[in-house]
Amino acid sequence: MDALNRRIVGHLLRDGRATYADIGAEVGLSAPAVKRRVDVMLARGEITGFTVRVAPEELGWGVEAYVELFCRGNVSPATLRRDLATIPEIVRVDTVTGEADAMVQIMAGGMADVERTVEAIRASARVDKTRTSLVMTRVIDRPARAGSPAAEPGSTAPAATTPTSEA
């Protein structure tokens, strides 16, 4: 992704509803030129979609938790996806380094929903144990910035891993 496309993406990260004309005014292109660049980035998979960020409590999600999964043997990302995709409270699953094999983000209505969700996760024959942490306060909640050091090819800066609630 070139520097101009990173600026376009940065504008979209700040305001996903911005018009091509607004973006063009900021980056020095016409609206049609911005649209062409966005279309190309979509076609190449550099932009994977557009979304809205919603306050979790407005969707009835009063509790957020992270569950570390410790699996028996080697478990592929495809297997995790297949085993966990049907659990609606799970909003994100990542494979991770360290002792745990994966980190699961849960958004639930209450503690009973968290408990039911963790029990559903543990029901997988591949899960040996779990460790759950409840979110008390979101301190920082923002999307990764286009053009940040972590977004640069070959960067050794850690990637941004902030949780989001997207619908």
Protein backbone atom coordinates (compact mmCIF):
# COMPACT_ATOMS: atom_id res chain seq x y z
CA MET A 1 0.00 0.00 0.00
CA ASP A 2 1.52 3.31 -1.00
CA ALA A 3 1.60 6.43 1.18
CA LEU A 4 -1.40 8.03 -0.54
CA ASN A 5 -3.55 4.93 -0.03
CA ARG A 6 -2.47 4.84 3.64
CA ARG A 7 -3.70 8.45 3.97
CA ILE A 8 -7.03 7.49 2.36
CA VAL A 9 -7.38 4.52 4.71
CA GLY A 10 -6.43 6.73 7.66
CA HIS A 11 -9.26 9.09 6.78
CA LEU A 12 -11.69 6.16 6.48
CA LEU A 13 -10.57 4.84 9.87
CA ARG A 14 -11.37 8.20 11.42
CA ASP A 15 -14.65 8.63 9.54
CA GLY A 16 -15.98 5.63 7.64
CA ARG A 17 -18.89 7.73 6.36
CA ALA A 18 -16.69 10.38 4.75
CA THR A 19 -17.48 11.16 1.13
CA TYR A 20 -14.91 10.57 -1.58
CA ALA A 21 -14.92 14.35 -2.10
CA ASP A 22 -14.06 14.96 1.59
CA ILE A 23 -11.26 12.41 1.45
CA GLY A 24 -10.01 13.81 -1.84
CA ALA A 25 -9.87 17.33 -0.40
CA GLU A 26 -7.65 16.03 2.42
CA VAL A 27 -5.30 13.97 0.24
CA GLY A 28 -5.24 16.14 -2.89
CA LEU A 29 -7.26 13.95 -5.28
CA SER A 30 -10.60 14.23 -7.04
CA ALA A 31 -13.54 12.23 -5.70
CA PRO A 32 -13.45 9.83 -8.70
CA ALA A 33 -9.71 9.23 -8.15
CA VAL A 34 -10.32 8.41 -4.47
CA LYS A 35 -13.15 6.04 -5.43
CA ARG A 36 -10.90 4.24 -7.95
CA ARG A 37 -8.20 3.82 -5.30
CA VAL A 38 -10.71 2.55 -2.71
CA ASP A 39 -12.16 0.11 -5.27
CA VAL A 40 -8.67 -1.23 -6.06
CA MET A 41 -7.86 -1.60 -2.34
CA LEU A 42 -11.13 -3.50 -1.88
CA ALA A 43 -10.35 -5.76 -4.85
CA ARG A 44 -6.85 -6.51 -3.50
CA GLY A 45 -8.17 -7.21 0.01
CA GLU A 46 -6.31 -4.28 1.58
CA ILE A 47 -9.69 -2.92 2.70
CA THR A 48 -11.82 -5.82 3.83
CA GLY A 49 -15.08 -3.97 4.43
CA PHE A 50 -16.79 -1.11 6.16
CA THR A 51 -18.44 -1.28 9.56
CA VAL A 52 -20.02 0.70 12.33
CA ARG A 53 -18.73 0.86 15.90
CA VAL A 54 -21.48 0.51 18.50
CA ALA A 55 -21.43 0.96 22.26
CA PRO A 56 -21.57 -2.66 23.54
CA GLU A 57 -24.13 -1.87 26.24
CA GLU A 58 -26.53 -0.60 23.56
CA LEU A 59 -26.59 -4.14 22.14
CA GLY A 60 -27.22 -5.65 25.56
CA TRP A 61 -23.59 -6.67 26.07
CA GLY A 62 -22.96 -5.78 29.69
CA VAL A 63 -19.94 -8.03 30.21
CA GLU A 64 -16.79 -8.43 28.16
CA ALA A 65 -14.32 -11.22 28.83
CA TYR A 66 -11.18 -12.73 27.38
CA VAL A 67 -10.73 -16.48 27.54
CA GLU A 68 -7.34 -18.09 27.10
CA LEU A 69 -7.64 -21.51 25.48
CA PHE A 70 -5.19 -24.28 26.26
CA CYS A 71 -5.68 -27.08 23.74
CA ARG A 72 -4.69 -30.74 23.58
CA GLY A 73 -2.09 -31.22 20.85
CA ASN A 74 -1.83 -28.94 17.86
CA VAL A 75 -5.02 -27.20 16.82
CA SER A 76 -5.21 -25.30 13.54
CA PRO A 77 -6.91 -21.92 13.14
CA ALA A 78 -9.41 -23.63 10.80
CA THR A 79 -10.33 -26.10 13.55
CA LEU A 80 -10.78 -23.31 16.09
CA ARG A 81 -12.99 -21.43 13.62
CA ARG A 82 -15.13 -24.50 13.01
CA ASP A 83 -15.45 -25.34 16.72
CA LEU A 84 -16.17 -21.81 17.96
CA ALA A 85 -17.98 -20.01 15.13
CA THR A 86 -21.43 -21.16 16.24
CA ILE A 87 -21.16 -19.56 19.70
CA PRO A 88 -22.79 -16.11 19.25
CA GLU A 89 -21.12 -14.44 22.25
CA ILE A 90 -17.68 -15.02 20.72
CA VAL A 91 -16.73 -11.90 18.76
CA ARG A 92 -13.05 -12.62 18.09
CA VAL A 93 -10.62 -15.54 18.21
CA ASP A 94 -6.86 -15.18 17.74
CA THR A 95 -4.07 -17.73 17.92
CA VAL A 96 -1.34 -16.40 20.21
CA THR A 97 2.20 -17.04 21.38
CA GLY A 98 2.96 -18.09 24.96
CA GLU A 99 1.36 -20.78 27.06
CA ALA A 100 -2.17 -20.40 25.68
CA ASP A 101 -3.01 -21.56 22.17
CA ALA A 102 -5.71 -18.97 21.50
CA MET A 103 -7.39 -15.89 22.94
CA VAL A 104 -11.17 -15.60 22.67
CA GLN A 105 -13.05 -12.33 23.16
CA ILE A 106 -16.59 -12.67 24.51
CA MET A 107 -19.34 -10.05 24.66
CA ALA A 108 -22.25 -11.20 26.81
CA GLY A 109 -25.38 -9.92 28.48
CA GLY A 110 -24.36 -10.99 31.97
CA MET A 111 -22.30 -13.38 34.03
CA ALA A 112 -24.65 -16.30 33.37
CA ASP A 113 -24.03 -15.82 29.63
CA VAL A 114 -20.26 -15.69 30.18
CA GLU A 115 -20.42 -18.92 32.20
CA ARG A 116 -22.57 -20.66 29.57
CA THR A 117 -20.22 -19.48 26.81
CA VAL A 118 -17.09 -20.68 28.63
CA GLU A 119 -18.76 -24.04 29.24
CA ALA A 120 -19.59 -24.27 25.52
CA ILE A 121 -15.96 -23.54 24.69
CA ARG A 122 -14.78 -26.19 27.17
CA ALA A 123 -17.14 -28.73 25.56
CA SER A 124 -14.77 -28.94 22.59
CA ALA A 125 -12.79 -32.17 22.78
CA ARG A 126 -9.70 -30.16 21.82
CA VAL A 127 -9.82 -27.77 24.81
CA ASP A 128 -7.84 -28.93 27.82
CA LYS A 129 -8.48 -25.88 30.03
CA THR A 130 -9.43 -22.23 29.93
CA ARG A 131 -8.54 -19.12 31.90
CA THR A 132 -11.06 -16.26 31.85
CA SER A 133 -10.45 -12.57 32.58
CA LEU A 134 -13.29 -10.06 32.83
CA VAL A 135 -12.90 -6.54 31.46
CA MET A 136 -13.50 -3.99 34.17
CA THR A 137 -12.91 -0.78 32.18
CA ARG A 138 -11.97 -0.15 28.56
CA VAL A 139 -9.17 2.35 28.86
CA ILE A 140 -8.30 2.76 25.16
CA ASP A 141 -10.56 1.57 22.33
CA ARG A 142 -9.55 2.67 18.85
CA PRO A 143 -8.83 1.15 15.46
CA ALA A 144 -5.28 0.67 14.25
CA ARG A 145 -3.99 3.79 12.50
CA ALA A 146 -3.05 3.67 8.85
CA GLY A 147 0.58 4.64 8.49
CA SER A 148 1.44 3.66 12.08
CA PRO A 149 4.81 1.94 12.52
CA ALA A 150 3.04 -1.41 12.97
CA ALA A 151 1.37 -0.97 9.58
CA GLU A 152 4.66 -0.44 7.71
CA PRO A 153 6.06 -3.43 5.80
CA GLY A 154 9.05 -4.95 7.58
CA SER A 155 8.29 -3.09 10.80
CA THR A 156 9.37 -4.65 14.08
CA ALA A 157 6.90 -2.51 16.02
CA PRO A 158 4.17 -4.52 17.76
CA ALA A 159 0.85 -4.64 15.95
CA ALA A 160 -2.09 -2.78 17.46
CA THR A 161 -4.45 -5.21 19.19
CA THR A 162 -7.18 -3.08 20.64
CA PRO A 163 -10.57 -4.75 21.13
CA THR A 164 -13.49 -3.33 19.22
CA SER A 165 -17.18 -3.92 19.30
CA GLU A 166 -18.29 -3.96 15.72
CA ALA A 167 -21.64 -4.83 14.31
